[in-house]
Full PDB file with SEQRES, HELIX, SHEET, SSBOND, CRYST1, ORIGX, SCALE, CONECT and MASTER records, all heavy atoms in Angstrom:
SEQRES   1 A   29  ASP ILE ASP VAL LEU VAL ASN ASN ALA GLY PHE GLY ALA          
SEQRES   2 A   29  ALA VAL PRO VAL GLU LEU ILE GLU PRO ASP THR ALA ARG          
SEQRES   3 A   29  GLU LEU PHE                                                  
HELIX    1 AA1 PRO A   22  LEU A   28  1                                   7    
CRYST1    1.000    1.000    1.000  90.00  90.00  90.00 P 1           1          
ORIGX1      1.000000  0.000000  0.000000        0.00000                         
ORIGX2      0.000000  1.000000  0.000000        0.00000                         
ORIGX3      0.000000  0.000000  1.000000        0.00000                         
SCALE1      1.000000  0.000000  0.000000        0.00000                         
SCALE2      0.000000  1.000000  0.000000        0.00000                         
SCALE3      0.000000  0.000000  1.000000        0.00000                         
ATOM      1  N   ASP A   1     106.988 137.977  79.657  1.00  0.00           N  
ATOM      2  CA  ASP A   1     108.115 137.958  80.571  1.00  0.00           C  
ATOM      3  C   ASP A   1     107.700 138.303  81.976  1.00  0.00           C  
ATOM      4  O   ASP A   1     106.877 139.165  82.295  1.00  0.00           O  
ATOM      5  CB  ASP A   1     109.144 139.034  80.070  1.00  0.00           C  
ATOM      6  CG  ASP A   1     109.754 138.600  78.782  1.00  0.00           C  
ATOM      7  OD1 ASP A   1     109.779 137.418  78.474  1.00  0.00           O  
ATOM      8  OD2 ASP A   1     110.243 139.500  78.086  1.00  0.00           O  
ATOM      9  N   ILE A   2     108.330 137.573  82.974  1.00  0.00           N  
ATOM     10  CA  ILE A   2     108.094 137.941  84.341  1.00  0.00           C  
ATOM     11  C   ILE A   2     109.494 137.895  85.049  1.00  0.00           C  
ATOM     12  O   ILE A   2     110.498 137.500  84.448  1.00  0.00           O  
ATOM     13  CB  ILE A   2     107.202 136.830  85.096  1.00  0.00           C  
ATOM     14  CG1 ILE A   2     107.961 135.487  85.129  1.00  0.00           C  
ATOM     15  CG2 ILE A   2     105.846 136.846  84.505  1.00  0.00           C  
ATOM     16  CD1 ILE A   2     107.267 134.464  86.116  1.00  0.00           C  
ATOM     17  N   ASP A   3     109.529 138.505  86.187  1.00  0.00           N  
ATOM     18  CA  ASP A   3     110.845 138.586  87.022  1.00  0.00           C  
ATOM     19  C   ASP A   3     110.889 137.575  88.089  1.00  0.00           C  
ATOM     20  O   ASP A   3     111.950 137.047  88.387  1.00  0.00           O  
ATOM     21  CB  ASP A   3     110.991 140.036  87.548  1.00  0.00           C  
ATOM     22  CG  ASP A   3     111.075 141.125  86.501  1.00  0.00           C  
ATOM     23  OD1 ASP A   3     112.104 141.240  85.829  1.00  0.00           O  
ATOM     24  OD2 ASP A   3     109.911 141.715  86.230  1.00  0.00           O  
ATOM     25  N   VAL A   4     109.681 137.293  88.696  1.00  0.00           N  
ATOM     26  CA  VAL A   4     109.722 136.451  89.883  1.00  0.00           C  
ATOM     27  C   VAL A   4     108.419 135.585  89.771  1.00  0.00           C  
ATOM     28  O   VAL A   4     107.305 136.009  89.372  1.00  0.00           O  
ATOM     29  CB  VAL A   4     109.483 137.196  91.173  1.00  0.00           C  
ATOM     30  CG1 VAL A   4     109.432 136.330  92.429  1.00  0.00           C  
ATOM     31  CG2 VAL A   4     110.762 138.122  91.350  1.00  0.00           C  
ATOM     32  N   LEU A   5     108.623 134.224  90.037  1.00  0.00           N  
ATOM     33  CA  LEU A   5     107.595 133.182  90.120  1.00  0.00           C  
ATOM     34  C   LEU A   5     107.430 132.829  91.563  1.00  0.00           C  
ATOM     35  O   LEU A   5     108.484 132.406  92.216  1.00  0.00           O  
ATOM     36  CB  LEU A   5     107.852 131.964  89.273  1.00  0.00           C  
ATOM     37  CG  LEU A   5     107.006 130.750  89.545  1.00  0.00           C  
ATOM     38  CD1 LEU A   5     105.605 130.990  89.113  1.00  0.00           C  
ATOM     39  CD2 LEU A   5     107.582 129.555  88.801  1.00  0.00           C  
ATOM     40  N   VAL A   6     106.208 132.951  92.097  1.00  0.00           N  
ATOM     41  CA  VAL A   6     105.949 132.394  93.458  1.00  0.00           C  
ATOM     42  C   VAL A   6     104.981 131.239  93.361  1.00  0.00           C  
ATOM     43  O   VAL A   6     103.853 131.454  93.017  1.00  0.00           O  
ATOM     44  CB  VAL A   6     105.313 133.490  94.324  1.00  0.00           C  
ATOM     45  CG1 VAL A   6     105.070 133.056  95.728  1.00  0.00           C  
ATOM     46  CG2 VAL A   6     106.157 134.798  94.385  1.00  0.00           C  
ATOM     47  N   ASN A   7     105.537 130.069  93.679  1.00  0.00           N  
ATOM     48  CA  ASN A   7     104.658 128.869  93.719  1.00  0.00           C  
ATOM     49  C   ASN A   7     104.031 128.709  95.011  1.00  0.00           C  
ATOM     50  O   ASN A   7     104.630 128.192  96.094  1.00  0.00           O  
ATOM     51  CB  ASN A   7     105.539 127.662  93.437  1.00  0.00           C  
ATOM     52  CG  ASN A   7     105.802 127.559  91.887  1.00  0.00           C  
ATOM     53  OD1 ASN A   7     104.912 127.581  91.117  1.00  0.00           O  
ATOM     54  ND2 ASN A   7     107.055 127.380  91.561  1.00  0.00           N  
ATOM     55  N   ASN A   8     102.797 129.075  95.139  1.00  0.00           N  
ATOM     56  CA  ASN A   8     102.017 129.108  96.426  1.00  0.00           C  
ATOM     57  C   ASN A   8     100.894 128.100  96.387  1.00  0.00           C  
ATOM     58  O   ASN A   8     100.421 127.622  97.455  1.00  0.00           O  
ATOM     59  CB  ASN A   8     101.593 130.410  96.765  1.00  0.00           C  
ATOM     60  CG  ASN A   8     100.523 130.516  97.922  1.00  0.00           C  
ATOM     61  OD1 ASN A   8     101.039 130.274  99.127  1.00  0.00           O  
ATOM     62  ND2 ASN A   8      99.376 130.661  97.677  1.00  0.00           N  
ATOM     63  N   ALA A   9     100.400 127.786  95.212  1.00  0.00           N  
ATOM     64  CA  ALA A   9      99.114 126.933  95.118  1.00  0.00           C  
ATOM     65  C   ALA A   9      99.448 125.542  95.733  1.00  0.00           C  
ATOM     66  O   ALA A   9     100.476 124.940  95.568  1.00  0.00           O  
ATOM     67  CB  ALA A   9      98.799 126.788  93.670  1.00  0.00           C  
ATOM     68  N   GLY A  10      98.366 125.109  96.521  1.00  0.00           N  
ATOM     69  CA  GLY A  10      98.568 123.733  97.061  1.00  0.00           C  
ATOM     70  C   GLY A  10      97.436 123.502  98.140  1.00  0.00           C  
ATOM     71  O   GLY A  10      96.626 124.405  98.340  1.00  0.00           O  
ATOM     72  N   PHE A  11      97.389 122.312  98.584  1.00  0.00           N  
ATOM     73  CA  PHE A  11      96.396 122.060  99.561  1.00  0.00           C  
ATOM     74  C   PHE A  11      96.793 120.880 100.560  1.00  0.00           C  
ATOM     75  O   PHE A  11      97.963 120.251 100.301  1.00  0.00           O  
ATOM     76  CB  PHE A  11      95.020 121.471  98.914  1.00  0.00           C  
ATOM     77  CG  PHE A  11      95.141 120.126  98.466  1.00  0.00           C  
ATOM     78  CD1 PHE A  11      94.478 119.039  99.197  1.00  0.00           C  
ATOM     79  CD2 PHE A  11      95.687 119.779  97.336  1.00  0.00           C  
ATOM     80  CE1 PHE A  11      94.495 117.775  98.673  1.00  0.00           C  
ATOM     81  CE2 PHE A  11      95.678 118.464  96.769  1.00  0.00           C  
ATOM     82  CZ  PHE A  11      95.094 117.404  97.569  1.00  0.00           C  
ATOM     83  N   GLY A  12      96.279 120.687 101.706  1.00  0.00           N  
ATOM     84  CA  GLY A  12      96.641 119.781 102.627  1.00  0.00           C  
ATOM     85  C   GLY A  12      95.643 118.683 102.900  1.00  0.00           C  
ATOM     86  O   GLY A  12      94.500 118.815 102.549  1.00  0.00           O  
ATOM     87  N   ALA A  13      96.023 117.707 103.583  1.00  0.00           N  
ATOM     88  CA  ALA A  13      95.200 116.609 104.003  1.00  0.00           C  
ATOM     89  C   ALA A  13      95.668 115.996 105.356  1.00  0.00           C  
ATOM     90  O   ALA A  13      96.925 115.840 105.392  1.00  0.00           O  
ATOM     91  CB  ALA A  13      95.037 115.517 103.043  1.00  0.00           C  
ATOM     92  N   ALA A  14      94.875 115.795 106.269  1.00  0.00           N  
ATOM     93  CA  ALA A  14      95.289 115.211 107.566  1.00  0.00           C  
ATOM     94  C   ALA A  14      94.544 113.733 107.670  1.00  0.00           C  
ATOM     95  O   ALA A  14      93.425 113.646 108.099  1.00  0.00           O  
ATOM     96  CB  ALA A  14      94.809 116.030 108.747  1.00  0.00           C  
ATOM     97  N   VAL A  15      95.345 112.716 107.427  1.00  0.00           N  
ATOM     98  CA  VAL A  15      94.845 111.410 107.335  1.00  0.00           C  
ATOM     99  C   VAL A  15      95.984 110.455 107.862  1.00  0.00           C  
ATOM    100  O   VAL A  15      97.101 110.638 107.525  1.00  0.00           O  
ATOM    101  CB  VAL A  15      94.450 110.993 105.955  1.00  0.00           C  
ATOM    102  CG1 VAL A  15      93.729 109.607 106.027  1.00  0.00           C  
ATOM    103  CG2 VAL A  15      93.571 112.008 105.245  1.00  0.00           C  
ATOM    104  N   PRO A  16      95.628 109.541 108.674  1.00  0.00           N  
ATOM    105  CA  PRO A  16      96.757 108.539 109.111  1.00  0.00           C  
ATOM    106  C   PRO A  16      97.315 107.754 107.854  1.00  0.00           C  
ATOM    107  O   PRO A  16      96.435 107.499 106.888  1.00  0.00           O  
ATOM    108  CB  PRO A  16      95.886 107.523 110.076  1.00  0.00           C  
ATOM    109  CG  PRO A  16      94.790 108.271 110.529  1.00  0.00           C  
ATOM    110  CD  PRO A  16      94.430 109.318 109.464  1.00  0.00           C  
ATOM    111  N   VAL A  17      98.530 107.443 107.824  1.00  0.00           N  
ATOM    112  CA  VAL A  17      99.138 106.655 106.751  1.00  0.00           C  
ATOM    113  C   VAL A  17      98.333 105.429 106.393  1.00  0.00           C  
ATOM    114  O   VAL A  17      98.018 105.218 105.198  1.00  0.00           O  
ATOM    115  CB  VAL A  17     100.491 106.287 107.124  1.00  0.00           C  
ATOM    116  CG1 VAL A  17     101.095 105.318 105.966  1.00  0.00           C  
ATOM    117  CG2 VAL A  17     101.424 107.586 107.128  1.00  0.00           C  
ATOM    118  N   GLU A  18      97.688 104.718 107.402  1.00  0.00           N  
ATOM    119  CA  GLU A  18      96.957 103.499 107.177  1.00  0.00           C  
ATOM    120  C   GLU A  18      95.752 103.776 106.364  1.00  0.00           C  
ATOM    121  O   GLU A  18      95.353 102.918 105.621  1.00  0.00           O  
ATOM    122  CB  GLU A  18      96.670 102.899 108.457  1.00  0.00           C  
ATOM    123  CG  GLU A  18      95.806 101.684 108.423  1.00  0.00           C  
ATOM    124  CD  GLU A  18      95.444 101.171 109.854  1.00  0.00           C  
ATOM    125  OE1 GLU A  18      95.984 101.654 110.822  1.00  0.00           O  
ATOM    126  OE2 GLU A  18      94.437 100.305 109.816  1.00  0.00           O  
ATOM    127  N   LEU A  19      95.185 104.990 106.456  1.00  0.00           N  
ATOM    128  CA  LEU A  19      93.820 105.192 105.913  1.00  0.00           C  
ATOM    129  C   LEU A  19      93.790 106.142 104.755  1.00  0.00           C  
ATOM    130  O   LEU A  19      92.731 106.272 104.141  1.00  0.00           O  
ATOM    131  CB  LEU A  19      92.990 105.846 107.124  1.00  0.00           C  
ATOM    132  CG  LEU A  19      92.728 105.020 108.304  1.00  0.00           C  
ATOM    133  CD1 LEU A  19      91.862 105.827 109.305  1.00  0.00           C  
ATOM    134  CD2 LEU A  19      92.131 103.629 107.988  1.00  0.00           C  
ATOM    135  N   ILE A  20      94.827 106.712 104.409  1.00  0.00           N  
ATOM    136  CA  ILE A  20      94.772 107.757 103.336  1.00  0.00           C  
ATOM    137  C   ILE A  20      94.518 107.002 101.925  1.00  0.00           C  
ATOM    138  O   ILE A  20      95.043 105.977 101.672  1.00  0.00           O  
ATOM    139  CB  ILE A  20      96.146 108.575 103.230  1.00  0.00           C  
ATOM    140  CG1 ILE A  20      95.837 109.741 102.264  1.00  0.00           C  
ATOM    141  CG2 ILE A  20      97.332 107.734 102.719  1.00  0.00           C  
ATOM    142  CD1 ILE A  20      96.927 110.807 102.424  1.00  0.00           C  
ATOM    143  N   GLU A  21      93.652 107.636 101.195  1.00  0.00           N  
ATOM    144  CA  GLU A  21      93.156 106.922  99.917  1.00  0.00           C  
ATOM    145  C   GLU A  21      94.093 107.206  98.806  1.00  0.00           C  
ATOM    146  O   GLU A  21      94.750 108.365  98.790  1.00  0.00           O  
ATOM    147  CB  GLU A  21      91.756 107.406  99.580  1.00  0.00           C  
ATOM    148  CG  GLU A  21      90.673 107.059 100.699  1.00  0.00           C  
ATOM    149  CD  GLU A  21      89.308 107.579 100.187  1.00  0.00           C  
ATOM    150  OE1 GLU A  21      89.239 108.283  99.122  1.00  0.00           O  
ATOM    151  OE2 GLU A  21      88.287 107.217 100.831  1.00  0.00           O  
ATOM    152  N   PRO A  22      94.467 106.237  97.936  1.00  0.00           N  
ATOM    153  CA  PRO A  22      95.375 106.453  96.907  1.00  0.00           C  
ATOM    154  C   PRO A  22      95.056 107.670  96.112  1.00  0.00           C  
ATOM    155  O   PRO A  22      96.006 108.448  95.753  1.00  0.00           O  
ATOM    156  CB  PRO A  22      95.314 105.191  96.080  1.00  0.00           C  
ATOM    157  CG  PRO A  22      94.847 104.225  97.086  1.00  0.00           C  
ATOM    158  CD  PRO A  22      93.960 105.009  97.911  1.00  0.00           C  
ATOM    159  N   ASP A  23      93.802 108.007  95.864  1.00  0.00           N  
ATOM    160  CA  ASP A  23      93.409 109.167  95.016  1.00  0.00           C  
ATOM    161  C   ASP A  23      93.890 110.505  95.752  1.00  0.00           C  
ATOM    162  O   ASP A  23      94.399 111.433  95.108  1.00  0.00           O  
ATOM    163  CB  ASP A  23      91.980 109.225  94.680  1.00  0.00           C  
ATOM    164  CG  ASP A  23      91.544 108.198  93.583  1.00  0.00           C  
ATOM    165  OD1 ASP A  23      92.460 107.758  92.925  1.00  0.00           O  
ATOM    166  OD2 ASP A  23      90.355 108.072  93.558  1.00  0.00           O  
ATOM    167  N   THR A  24      93.706 110.572  97.088  1.00  0.00           N  
ATOM    168  CA  THR A  24      94.067 111.725  97.849  1.00  0.00           C  
ATOM    169  C   THR A  24      95.590 111.884  97.753  1.00  0.00           C  
ATOM    170  O   THR A  24      96.157 113.011  97.608  1.00  0.00           O  
ATOM    171  CB  THR A  24      93.583 111.607  99.231  1.00  0.00           C  
ATOM    172  OG1 THR A  24      92.218 111.540  99.266  1.00  0.00           O  
ATOM    173  CG2 THR A  24      94.034 112.867 100.020  1.00  0.00           C  
ATOM    174  N   ALA A  25      96.391 110.736  97.920  1.00  0.00           N  
ATOM    175  CA  ALA A  25      97.820 110.855  97.894  1.00  0.00           C  
ATOM    176  C   ALA A  25      98.298 111.385  96.525  1.00  0.00           C  
ATOM    177  O   ALA A  25      99.219 112.120  96.452  1.00  0.00           O  
ATOM    178  CB  ALA A  25      98.415 109.432  98.216  1.00  0.00           C  
ATOM    179  N   ARG A  26      97.786 110.777  95.502  1.00  0.00           N  
ATOM    180  CA  ARG A  26      98.058 111.285  94.103  1.00  0.00           C  
ATOM    181  C   ARG A  26      97.845 112.700  93.911  1.00  0.00           C  
ATOM    182  O   ARG A  26      98.559 113.438  93.278  1.00  0.00           O  
ATOM    183  CB  ARG A  26      97.349 110.490  93.067  1.00  0.00           C  
ATOM    184  CG  ARG A  26      98.078 109.022  92.759  1.00  0.00           C  
ATOM    185  CD  ARG A  26      97.450 108.423  91.493  1.00  0.00           C  
ATOM    186  NE  ARG A  26      96.135 107.917  91.795  1.00  0.00           N  
ATOM    187  CZ  ARG A  26      95.981 106.619  92.259  1.00  0.00           C  
ATOM    188  NH1 ARG A  26      96.845 105.870  92.456  1.00  0.00           N  
ATOM    189  NH2 ARG A  26      94.749 106.198  92.516  1.00  0.00           N  
ATOM    190  N   GLU A  27      96.633 113.132  94.367  1.00  0.00           N  
ATOM    191  CA  GLU A  27      96.229 114.506  94.189  1.00  0.00           C  
ATOM    192  C   GLU A  27      97.190 115.486  95.025  1.00  0.00           C  
ATOM    193  O   GLU A  27      97.585 116.576  94.504  1.00  0.00           O  
ATOM    194  CB  GLU A  27      94.780 114.768  94.723  1.00  0.00           C  
ATOM    195  CG  GLU A  27      94.244 116.153  94.441  1.00  0.00           C  
ATOM    196  CD  GLU A  27      92.844 116.297  94.725  1.00  0.00           C  
ATOM    197  OE1 GLU A  27      92.125 115.218  95.149  1.00  0.00           O  
ATOM    198  OE2 GLU A  27      92.260 117.360  94.659  1.00  0.00           O  
ATOM    199  N   LEU A  28      97.618 115.024  96.152  1.00  0.00           N  
ATOM    200  CA  LEU A  28      98.563 115.844  96.857  1.00  0.00           C  
ATOM    201  C   LEU A  28      99.860 116.032  96.201  1.00  0.00           C  
ATOM    202  O   LEU A  28     100.317 117.187  96.044  1.00  0.00           O  
ATOM    203  CB  LEU A  28      98.873 115.332  98.272  1.00  0.00           C  
ATOM    204  CG  LEU A  28      97.809 115.482  99.227  1.00  0.00           C  
ATOM    205  CD1 LEU A  28      97.907 114.422 100.474  1.00  0.00           C  
ATOM    206  CD2 LEU A  28      97.798 116.921  99.892  1.00  0.00           C  
ATOM    207  N   PHE A  29     100.404 114.985  95.575  1.00  0.00           N  
ATOM    208  CA  PHE A  29     101.637 115.050  94.885  1.00  0.00           C  
ATOM    209  C   PHE A  29     101.515 115.840  93.505  1.00  0.00           C  
ATOM    210  O   PHE A  29     102.340 116.641  93.092  1.00  0.00           O  
ATOM    211  CB  PHE A  29     102.304 113.761  94.707  1.00  0.00           C  
ATOM    212  CG  PHE A  29     103.103 113.250  95.898  1.00  0.00           C  
ATOM    213  CD1 PHE A  29     102.599 112.519  96.777  1.00  0.00           C  
ATOM    214  CD2 PHE A  29     104.497 113.695  95.907  1.00  0.00           C  
ATOM    215  CE1 PHE A  29     103.358 112.130  97.893  1.00  0.00           C  
ATOM    216  CE2 PHE A  29     105.225 113.352  96.992  1.00  0.00           C  
ATOM    217  CZ  PHE A  29     104.748 112.555  97.992  1.00  0.00           C  
TER     218      PHE A  29                                                      
MASTER        0    0    0    1    0    0    0    6  217    1    0    3          
END                                                                             
């Protein structure tokens, strides 16, 4: 049992839309 869940895990990527790789996009989501 817990009282509070804090969803903080994540990462970022800085890439132009034109150039972002599908694998990176999938990993972000």
